[in-house]
Amino acid sequence: MGGVPEPHTGWTFLTNHARVLAAIADDHNVRIRDIAAYCRLTERAVQKIISDLERDGYLSHTREGRGNTYRIEPSKVLRHPAESGLTVAALLALLVKDEAYRFRDNPDERPHVQDT
């Protein structure tokens, strides 16, 4: 097992919660170890973030064999008043790496991008 990732110094645009959620959106079967490496966090920090997201209804999981399959609640509204009305789906539309963005469990919840 690898060591603790080197921490980032200085400010960033995204919270660790947003990074973890985006990593899960890219792969609903991703391992905590892989999320930690991608987000440059410890596995314990990722477990805590996942717990936060589940407790507040943004995420759920089912155990499948030795792994988990995560389900994101795309219609859940973000917590901060400055993002009033912005959904998880809208946020993830900006963050996920997979161009064929999808919510596996509910394709009708895919975010729509409006051309300007």
C-alpha atoms as a PDB file:
ATOM      1  CA  MET A   1       0.000   0.000   0.000  1.00  0.00           C
ATOM      2  CA  GLY A   2       1.274   3.450  -0.888  1.00  0.00           C
ATOM      3  CA  GLY A   3       2.075   6.172   1.579  1.00  0.00           C
ATOM      4  CA  VAL A   4       0.094   9.245   2.413  1.00  0.00           C
ATOM      5  CA  PRO A   5      -0.298  11.472  -0.655  1.00  0.00           C
ATOM      6  CA  GLU A   6       1.659  14.710  -0.658  1.00  0.00           C
ATOM      7  CA  PRO A   7      -0.739  17.458   0.429  1.00  0.00           C
ATOM      8  CA  HIS A   8      -1.524  20.364  -1.834  1.00  0.00           C
ATOM      9  CA  THR A   9      -0.587  23.798  -0.561  1.00  0.00           C
ATOM     10  CA  GLY A  10      -2.446  26.960  -1.394  1.00  0.00           C
ATOM     11  CA  TRP A  11      -6.034  27.422  -2.365  1.00  0.00           C
ATOM     12  CA  THR A  12      -8.062  25.511  -4.948  1.00  0.00           C
ATOM     13  CA  PHE A  13     -11.341  26.053  -6.753  1.00  0.00           C
ATOM     14  CA  LEU A  14     -12.976  22.818  -5.615  1.00  0.00           C
ATOM     15  CA  THR A  15     -13.591  21.191  -2.279  1.00  0.00           C
ATOM     16  CA  ASN A  16     -12.461  17.658  -1.552  1.00  0.00           C
ATOM     17  CA  HIS A  17     -16.134  16.668  -1.362  1.00  0.00           C
ATOM     18  CA  ALA A  18     -16.657  17.824  -4.962  1.00  0.00           C
ATOM     19  CA  ARG A  19     -13.531  15.973  -6.116  1.00  0.00           C
ATOM     20  CA  VAL A  20     -14.623  12.728  -4.457  1.00  0.00           C
ATOM     21  CA  LEU A  21     -18.127  13.021  -5.907  1.00  0.00           C
ATOM     22  CA  ALA A  22     -16.692  13.636  -9.386  1.00  0.00           C
ATOM     23  CA  ALA A  23     -14.430  10.594  -9.076  1.00  0.00           C
ATOM     24  CA  ILE A  24     -17.442   8.475  -8.164  1.00  0.00           C
ATOM     25  CA  ALA A  25     -19.447   9.945 -11.057  1.00  0.00           C
ATOM     26  CA  ASP A  26     -16.675   8.846 -13.432  1.00  0.00           C
ATOM     27  CA  ASP A  27     -16.814   5.269 -12.097  1.00  0.00           C
ATOM     28  CA  HIS A  28     -19.646   4.092  -9.851  1.00  0.00           C
ATOM     29  CA  ASN A  29     -17.546   1.084  -8.799  1.00  0.00           C
ATOM     30  CA  VAL A  30     -14.354   2.989  -7.971  1.00  0.00           C
ATOM     31  CA  ARG A  31     -12.363   1.835  -4.943  1.00  0.00           C
ATOM     32  CA  ILE A  32     -11.659   4.164  -2.035  1.00  0.00           C
ATOM     33  CA  ARG A  33      -7.962   3.560  -2.599  1.00  0.00           C
ATOM     34  CA  ASP A  34      -8.263   4.848  -6.173  1.00  0.00           C
ATOM     35  CA  ILE A  35     -10.322   7.883  -5.149  1.00  0.00           C
ATOM     36  CA  ALA A  36      -7.696   8.726  -2.542  1.00  0.00           C
ATOM     37  CA  ALA A  37      -4.869   8.525  -5.065  1.00  0.00           C
ATOM     38  CA  TYR A  38      -6.764  10.578  -7.656  1.00  0.00           C
ATOM     39  CA  CYS A  39      -7.809  13.270  -5.167  1.00  0.00           C
ATOM     40  CA  ARG A  40      -4.474  13.232  -3.325  1.00  0.00           C
ATOM     41  CA  LEU A  41      -6.167  12.415  -0.038  1.00  0.00           C
ATOM     42  CA  THR A  42      -5.758   9.675   2.502  1.00  0.00           C
ATOM     43  CA  GLU A  43      -8.122   6.714   2.351  1.00  0.00           C
ATOM     44  CA  ARG A  44      -9.440   7.725   5.768  1.00  0.00           C
ATOM     45  CA  ALA A  45     -10.261  11.233   4.493  1.00  0.00           C
ATOM     46  CA  VAL A  46     -12.129   9.734   1.524  1.00  0.00           C
ATOM     47  CA  GLN A  47     -14.089   7.431   3.855  1.00  0.00           C
ATOM     48  CA  LYS A  48     -15.098  10.456   5.949  1.00  0.00           C
ATOM     49  CA  ILE A  49     -16.163  12.425   2.862  1.00  0.00           C
ATOM     50  CA  ILE A  50     -18.216   9.493   1.550  1.00  0.00           C
ATOM     51  CA  SER A  51     -19.831   9.209   4.984  1.00  0.00           C
ATOM     52  CA  ASP A  52     -20.697  12.940   4.894  1.00  0.00           C
ATOM     53  CA  LEU A  53     -22.184  12.637   1.400  1.00  0.00           C
ATOM     54  CA  GLU A  54     -24.224   9.578   2.364  1.00  0.00           C
ATOM     55  CA  ARG A  55     -25.458  11.090   5.622  1.00  0.00           C
ATOM     56  CA  ASP A  56     -26.794  14.152   3.783  1.00  0.00           C
ATOM     57  CA  GLY A  57     -28.412  12.152   0.974  1.00  0.00           C
ATOM     58  CA  TYR A  58     -26.069  12.990  -1.913  1.00  0.00           C
ATOM     59  CA  LEU A  59     -24.755   9.457  -2.253  1.00  0.00           C
ATOM     60  CA  SER A  60     -25.659   5.877  -1.377  1.00  0.00           C
ATOM     61  CA  HIS A  61     -23.937   2.567  -1.927  1.00  0.00           C
ATOM     62  CA  THR A  62     -24.652  -1.112  -2.183  1.00  0.00           C
ATOM     63  CA  ARG A  63     -22.141  -3.768  -1.322  1.00  0.00           C
ATOM     64  CA  GLU A  64     -21.305  -6.070  -4.236  1.00  0.00           C
ATOM     65  CA  GLY A  65     -18.823  -8.779  -3.384  1.00  0.00           C
ATOM     66  CA  ARG A  66     -15.769  -7.104  -1.940  1.00  0.00           C
ATOM     67  CA  GLY A  67     -16.552  -3.719  -3.484  1.00  0.00           C
ATOM     68  CA  ASN A  68     -19.199  -1.035  -3.489  1.00  0.00           C
ATOM     69  CA  THR A  69     -21.408   0.368  -6.193  1.00  0.00           C
ATOM     70  CA  TYR A  70     -22.267   3.994  -5.564  1.00  0.00           C
ATOM     71  CA  ARG A  71     -25.387   5.854  -6.607  1.00  0.00           C
ATOM     72  CA  ILE A  72     -25.383   9.640  -6.770  1.00  0.00           C
ATOM     73  CA  GLU A  73     -28.596  11.568  -6.165  1.00  0.00           C
ATOM     74  CA  PRO A  74     -28.444  13.926  -9.184  1.00  0.00           C
ATOM     75  CA  SER A  75     -31.435  16.094  -8.274  1.00  0.00           C
ATOM     76  CA  LYS A  76     -30.134  16.948  -4.803  1.00  0.00           C
ATOM     77  CA  VAL A  77     -29.484  20.692  -4.460  1.00  0.00           C
ATOM     78  CA  LEU A  78     -26.044  21.906  -3.350  1.00  0.00           C
ATOM     79  CA  ARG A  79     -25.715  23.034   0.254  1.00  0.00           C
ATOM     80  CA  HIS A  80     -24.255  26.552   0.090  1.00  0.00           C
ATOM     81  CA  PRO A  81     -26.694  29.462  -0.292  1.00  0.00           C
ATOM     82  CA  ALA A  82     -24.543  30.905  -3.104  1.00  0.00           C
ATOM     83  CA  GLU A  83     -25.365  27.799  -5.178  1.00  0.00           C
ATOM     84  CA  SER A  84     -29.081  27.998  -4.412  1.00  0.00           C
ATOM     85  CA  GLY A  85     -30.966  25.858  -6.904  1.00  0.00           C
ATOM     86  CA  LEU A  86     -27.842  24.302  -8.448  1.00  0.00           C
ATOM     87  CA  THR A  87     -28.114  20.503  -8.505  1.00  0.00           C
ATOM     88  CA  VAL A  88     -25.477  17.835  -8.135  1.00  0.00           C
ATOM     89  CA  ALA A  89     -26.104  16.915 -11.793  1.00  0.00           C
ATOM     90  CA  ALA A  90     -25.268  20.453 -12.918  1.00  0.00           C
ATOM     91  CA  LEU A  91     -22.069  20.484 -10.862  1.00  0.00           C
ATOM     92  CA  LEU A  92     -20.961  17.084 -12.113  1.00  0.00           C
ATOM     93  CA  ALA A  93     -21.634  18.075 -15.721  1.00  0.00           C
ATOM     94  CA  LEU A  94     -18.708  20.458 -15.303  1.00  0.00           C
ATOM     95  CA  LEU A  95     -16.417  18.112 -13.392  1.00  0.00           C
ATOM     96  CA  VAL A  96     -16.603  14.576 -14.731  1.00  0.00           C
ATOM     97  CA  LYS A  97     -13.919  13.505 -17.136  1.00  0.00           C
ATOM     98  CA  ASP A  98     -16.108  11.114 -19.082  1.00  0.00           C
ATOM     99  CA  GLU A  99     -17.519  13.074 -22.032  1.00  0.00           C
ATOM    100  CA  ALA A 100     -20.367  10.590 -22.257  1.00  0.00           C
ATOM    101  CA  TYR A 101     -21.507  11.728 -18.816  1.00  0.00           C
ATOM    102  CA  ARG A 102     -24.174   9.548 -17.388  1.00  0.00           C
ATOM    103  CA  PHE A 103     -26.069   8.555 -14.308  1.00  0.00           C
ATOM    104  CA  ARG A 104     -26.214   4.848 -14.826  1.00  0.00           C
ATOM    105  CA  ASP A 105     -29.288   4.337 -12.687  1.00  0.00           C
ATOM    106  CA  ASN A 106     -31.368   7.116 -14.238  1.00  0.00           C
ATOM    107  CA  PRO A 107     -30.344   8.341 -17.708  1.00  0.00           C
ATOM    108  CA  ASP A 108     -33.181  10.892 -17.653  1.00  0.00           C
ATOM    109  CA  GLU A 109     -31.293  12.786 -14.942  1.00  0.00           C
ATOM    110  CA  ARG A 110     -28.378  13.632 -17.255  1.00  0.00           C
ATOM    111  CA  PRO A 111     -27.529  17.304 -17.008  1.00  0.00           C
ATOM    112  CA  HIS A 112     -28.450  19.457 -19.962  1.00  0.00           C
ATOM    113  CA  VAL A 113     -25.939  22.003 -21.201  1.00  0.00           C
ATOM    114  CA  GLN A 114     -27.429  25.092 -22.770  1.00  0.00           C
ATOM    115  CA  ASP A 115     -25.537  26.731 -25.634  1.00  0.00           C
ATOM    116  CA  THR A 116     -24.982  30.443 -25.259  1.00  0.00           C
END
